[in-house]
């Protein structure tokens, strides 16, 4: 499992590490930047095979264009706007999801209003709040299938 944060959102790393620990009960450690994204990788063994990519549409598109062939995870979760425009990269056997969007926009809410230290999407809030479900069930419930 990997959780990629766009480099221009690097100030959110500590807050997102807390968010990820609360969700998965795993510590996520930042790795070296790859094509404009900072991967957070869990310590220990993770049975679930997913990659979460958080960033603006153009950043995510550029990352996928360069790296889609190298993504080993079975599930790809995009937390970005205009995710439907990224379907062109969907030429593999991966299961794709995206954050909930209205008119293709994945709105961010002021995190402090919800107890988080970063601006957060509705899908991320829902994902956090349904922790009793298995990971894939949470993704299916909180994110849109692409």
C-alpha atoms as a PDB file:
ATOM      1  CA  UNK A   1       0.000   0.000   0.000  1.00  0.00           C
ATOM      2  CA  UNK A   2       1.166   3.491  -0.812  1.00  0.00           C
ATOM      3  CA  UNK A   3      -0.309   6.924  -0.237  1.00  0.00           C
ATOM      4  CA  UNK A   4       1.070   9.571  -2.594  1.00  0.00           C
ATOM      5  CA  UNK A   5       0.807  13.270  -1.784  1.00  0.00           C
ATOM      6  CA  UNK A   6       1.563  15.931  -4.377  1.00  0.00           C
ATOM      7  CA  UNK A   7       4.829  17.653  -3.556  1.00  0.00           C
ATOM      8  CA  UNK A   8       3.143  21.067  -3.283  1.00  0.00           C
ATOM      9  CA  UNK A   9       1.043  19.629  -0.416  1.00  0.00           C
ATOM     10  CA  UNK A  10       4.089  18.441   1.542  1.00  0.00           C
ATOM     11  CA  UNK A  11       3.157  20.644   4.504  1.00  0.00           C
ATOM     12  CA  UNK A  12       0.259  18.203   5.083  1.00  0.00           C
ATOM     13  CA  UNK A  13       2.468  15.147   5.572  1.00  0.00           C
ATOM     14  CA  UNK A  14       2.391  15.078   9.392  1.00  0.00           C
ATOM     15  CA  UNK A  15      -1.383  15.619   9.459  1.00  0.00           C
ATOM     16  CA  UNK A  16      -1.961  12.950   6.836  1.00  0.00           C
ATOM     17  CA  UNK A  17       0.263  10.534   8.763  1.00  0.00           C
ATOM     18  CA  UNK A  18      -2.045  10.986  11.776  1.00  0.00           C
ATOM     19  CA  UNK A  19      -5.083  10.490   9.534  1.00  0.00           C
ATOM     20  CA  UNK A  20      -3.602   7.293   8.058  1.00  0.00           C
ATOM     21  CA  UNK A  21      -2.612   5.948  11.470  1.00  0.00           C
ATOM     22  CA  UNK A  22      -6.165   6.445  12.730  1.00  0.00           C
ATOM     23  CA  UNK A  23      -7.571   4.618   9.708  1.00  0.00           C
ATOM     24  CA  UNK A  24      -5.119   1.743   9.300  1.00  0.00           C
ATOM     25  CA  UNK A  25      -3.406   1.572  12.711  1.00  0.00           C
ATOM     26  CA  UNK A  26      -0.095   1.720  10.805  1.00  0.00           C
ATOM     27  CA  UNK A  27       2.689   4.270  10.759  1.00  0.00           C
ATOM     28  CA  UNK A  28       3.348   5.717   7.299  1.00  0.00           C
ATOM     29  CA  UNK A  29       6.864   6.970   6.547  1.00  0.00           C
ATOM     30  CA  UNK A  30       7.671   9.519   3.801  1.00  0.00           C
ATOM     31  CA  UNK A  31       9.953   8.275   1.029  1.00  0.00           C
ATOM     32  CA  UNK A  32      11.918  10.138  -1.624  1.00  0.00           C
ATOM     33  CA  UNK A  33       9.880  12.222  -4.054  1.00  0.00           C
ATOM     34  CA  UNK A  34       8.836  10.474  -7.297  1.00  0.00           C
ATOM     35  CA  UNK A  35       7.589  12.509 -10.270  1.00  0.00           C
ATOM     36  CA  UNK A  36       6.151  15.309  -8.140  1.00  0.00           C
ATOM     37  CA  UNK A  37       4.683  13.105  -5.397  1.00  0.00           C
ATOM     38  CA  UNK A  38       5.893  12.099  -1.952  1.00  0.00           C
ATOM     39  CA  UNK A  39       5.020   8.476  -1.195  1.00  0.00           C
ATOM     40  CA  UNK A  40       3.976   7.584   2.333  1.00  0.00           C
ATOM     41  CA  UNK A  41       4.664   3.891   2.891  1.00  0.00           C
ATOM     42  CA  UNK A  42       3.453   1.877   5.899  1.00  0.00           C
ATOM     43  CA  UNK A  43       5.856   0.204   8.273  1.00  0.00           C
ATOM     44  CA  UNK A  44       5.249  -3.518   8.480  1.00  0.00           C
ATOM     45  CA  UNK A  45       3.225  -5.876   6.356  1.00  0.00           C
ATOM     46  CA  UNK A  46       0.014  -4.781   4.694  1.00  0.00           C
ATOM     47  CA  UNK A  47      -2.259  -7.349   3.118  1.00  0.00           C
ATOM     48  CA  UNK A  48      -4.313  -4.827   1.149  1.00  0.00           C
ATOM     49  CA  UNK A  49      -2.923  -3.743  -2.234  1.00  0.00           C
ATOM     50  CA  UNK A  50      -3.902  -0.115  -2.925  1.00  0.00           C
ATOM     51  CA  UNK A  51      -2.352   3.151  -3.977  1.00  0.00           C
ATOM     52  CA  UNK A  52      -3.982   6.452  -3.020  1.00  0.00           C
ATOM     53  CA  UNK A  53      -2.944   9.447  -5.148  1.00  0.00           C
ATOM     54  CA  UNK A  54      -3.751  12.905  -3.737  1.00  0.00           C
ATOM     55  CA  UNK A  55      -3.222  15.970  -5.893  1.00  0.00           C
ATOM     56  CA  UNK A  56      -4.590  18.350  -8.507  1.00  0.00           C
ATOM     57  CA  UNK A  57      -5.800  16.859 -11.781  1.00  0.00           C
ATOM     58  CA  UNK A  58      -2.797  17.963 -13.838  1.00  0.00           C
ATOM     59  CA  UNK A  59      -0.361  16.555 -11.268  1.00  0.00           C
ATOM     60  CA  UNK A  60      -2.171  13.214 -11.063  1.00  0.00           C
ATOM     61  CA  UNK A  61      -2.415  12.998 -14.867  1.00  0.00           C
ATOM     62  CA  UNK A  62       1.312  13.626 -15.236  1.00  0.00           C
ATOM     63  CA  UNK A  63       2.109  11.007 -12.580  1.00  0.00           C
ATOM     64  CA  UNK A  64      -0.138   8.385 -14.182  1.00  0.00           C
ATOM     65  CA  UNK A  65       1.250   9.106 -17.642  1.00  0.00           C
ATOM     66  CA  UNK A  66       4.785   8.386 -16.413  1.00  0.00           C
ATOM     67  CA  UNK A  67       4.048   5.608 -13.934  1.00  0.00           C
ATOM     68  CA  UNK A  68       0.883   3.670 -14.802  1.00  0.00           C
ATOM     69  CA  UNK A  69       2.865   0.677 -16.057  1.00  0.00           C
ATOM     70  CA  UNK A  70       4.815   0.516 -12.792  1.00  0.00           C
ATOM     71  CA  UNK A  71       1.854   0.583 -10.406  1.00  0.00           C
ATOM     72  CA  UNK A  72       1.748  -2.848  -8.809  1.00  0.00           C
ATOM     73  CA  UNK A  73      -1.182  -2.258  -6.439  1.00  0.00           C
ATOM     74  CA  UNK A  74      -4.507  -3.815  -7.449  1.00  0.00           C
ATOM     75  CA  UNK A  75      -6.636  -0.816  -6.438  1.00  0.00           C
ATOM     76  CA  UNK A  76      -6.044   2.796  -7.452  1.00  0.00           C
ATOM     77  CA  UNK A  77      -7.834   5.548  -5.503  1.00  0.00           C
ATOM     78  CA  UNK A  78      -7.629   9.053  -6.954  1.00  0.00           C
ATOM     79  CA  UNK A  79      -8.338  12.009  -4.693  1.00  0.00           C
ATOM     80  CA  UNK A  80      -8.546  14.733  -7.301  1.00  0.00           C
ATOM     81  CA  UNK A  81     -10.884  16.731  -9.512  1.00  0.00           C
ATOM     82  CA  UNK A  82     -11.816  15.672 -13.059  1.00  0.00           C
ATOM     83  CA  UNK A  83     -11.033  12.037 -12.310  1.00  0.00           C
ATOM     84  CA  UNK A  84     -13.215  10.828 -15.181  1.00  0.00           C
ATOM     85  CA  UNK A  85     -10.730  12.453 -17.572  1.00  0.00           C
ATOM     86  CA  UNK A  86      -8.097  10.068 -16.213  1.00  0.00           C
ATOM     87  CA  UNK A  87      -9.994   6.993 -17.429  1.00  0.00           C
ATOM     88  CA  UNK A  88      -7.730   6.880 -20.476  1.00  0.00           C
ATOM     89  CA  UNK A  89      -5.055   5.373 -18.219  1.00  0.00           C
ATOM     90  CA  UNK A  90      -7.437   2.592 -17.229  1.00  0.00           C
ATOM     91  CA  UNK A  91      -5.986   0.039 -19.660  1.00  0.00           C
ATOM     92  CA  UNK A  92      -5.100  -2.532 -17.063  1.00  0.00           C
ATOM     93  CA  UNK A  93      -6.686  -4.957 -14.642  1.00  0.00           C
ATOM     94  CA  UNK A  94      -6.689  -2.514 -11.726  1.00  0.00           C
ATOM     95  CA  UNK A  95      -9.832  -1.444  -9.860  1.00  0.00           C
ATOM     96  CA  UNK A  96     -10.199   2.341 -10.017  1.00  0.00           C
ATOM     97  CA  UNK A  97     -11.972   4.704  -7.606  1.00  0.00           C
ATOM     98  CA  UNK A  98     -12.120   8.484  -7.223  1.00  0.00           C
ATOM     99  CA  UNK A  99     -13.196  10.919  -4.555  1.00  0.00           C
ATOM    100  CA  UNK A 100     -16.831  12.007  -4.690  1.00  0.00           C
ATOM    101  CA  UNK A 101     -17.291  14.897  -7.074  1.00  0.00           C
ATOM    102  CA  UNK A 102     -19.969  17.378  -8.012  1.00  0.00           C
ATOM    103  CA  UNK A 103     -19.654  18.616 -11.599  1.00  0.00           C
ATOM    104  CA  UNK A 104     -16.260  16.883 -11.747  1.00  0.00           C
ATOM    105  CA  UNK A 105     -14.993  18.911  -8.773  1.00  0.00           C
ATOM    106  CA  UNK A 106     -13.856  17.105  -5.638  1.00  0.00           C
ATOM    107  CA  UNK A 107     -14.452  19.819  -3.080  1.00  0.00           C
ATOM    108  CA  UNK A 108     -12.174  20.202  -0.081  1.00  0.00           C
ATOM    109  CA  UNK A 109     -13.556  21.305   3.250  1.00  0.00           C
ATOM    110  CA  UNK A 110     -11.701  23.194   5.922  1.00  0.00           C
ATOM    111  CA  UNK A 111     -10.177  20.337   7.909  1.00  0.00           C
ATOM    112  CA  UNK A 112     -10.220  22.158  11.247  1.00  0.00           C
ATOM    113  CA  UNK A 113     -14.015  22.158  11.103  1.00  0.00           C
ATOM    114  CA  UNK A 114     -13.894  18.343  11.129  1.00  0.00           C
ATOM    115  CA  UNK A 115     -10.949  17.746  13.467  1.00  0.00           C
ATOM    116  CA  UNK A 116      -8.251  17.404  10.783  1.00  0.00           C
ATOM    117  CA  UNK A 117      -5.178  19.519  10.166  1.00  0.00           C
ATOM    118  CA  UNK A 118      -5.483  19.563   6.376  1.00  0.00           C
ATOM    119  CA  UNK A 119      -8.245  20.419   3.933  1.00  0.00           C
ATOM    120  CA  UNK A 120     -10.206  17.250   3.310  1.00  0.00           C
ATOM    121  CA  UNK A 121     -12.656  15.864   0.766  1.00  0.00           C
ATOM    122  CA  UNK A 122     -16.030  14.376   1.602  1.00  0.00           C
ATOM    123  CA  UNK A 123     -14.798  10.919   0.554  1.00  0.00           C
ATOM    124  CA  UNK A 124     -11.824  11.172   2.917  1.00  0.00           C
ATOM    125  CA  UNK A 125     -14.099  12.163   5.810  1.00  0.00           C
ATOM    126  CA  UNK A 126     -16.427   9.255   5.044  1.00  0.00           C
ATOM    127  CA  UNK A 127     -13.460   6.871   4.734  1.00  0.00           C
ATOM    128  CA  UNK A 128     -12.223   7.973   8.148  1.00  0.00           C
ATOM    129  CA  UNK A 129     -15.657   7.553   9.751  1.00  0.00           C
ATOM    130  CA  UNK A 130     -16.456   4.022   8.578  1.00  0.00           C
ATOM    131  CA  UNK A 131     -13.488   2.320  10.211  1.00  0.00           C
ATOM    132  CA  UNK A 132     -15.470  -0.754  11.260  1.00  0.00           C
ATOM    133  CA  UNK A 133     -15.580  -1.991   7.653  1.00  0.00           C
ATOM    134  CA  UNK A 134     -12.766  -3.815   5.849  1.00  0.00           C
ATOM    135  CA  UNK A 135     -10.559  -1.552   3.728  1.00  0.00           C
ATOM    136  CA  UNK A 136     -12.023  -2.520   0.343  1.00  0.00           C
ATOM    137  CA  UNK A 137     -15.569  -2.206   1.678  1.00  0.00           C
ATOM    138  CA  UNK A 138     -14.724   1.303   2.923  1.00  0.00           C
ATOM    139  CA  UNK A 139     -13.282   2.300  -0.444  1.00  0.00           C
ATOM    140  CA  UNK A 140     -16.346   0.961  -2.272  1.00  0.00           C
ATOM    141  CA  UNK A 141     -18.661   2.803   0.111  1.00  0.00           C
ATOM    142  CA  UNK A 142     -16.815   6.151   0.285  1.00  0.00           C
ATOM    143  CA  UNK A 143     -15.349   6.613  -3.192  1.00  0.00           C
ATOM    144  CA  UNK A 144     -16.879   6.511  -6.665  1.00  0.00           C
ATOM    145  CA  UNK A 145     -16.054   3.577  -8.921  1.00  0.00           C
ATOM    146  CA  UNK A 146     -14.463   4.784 -12.175  1.00  0.00           C
END
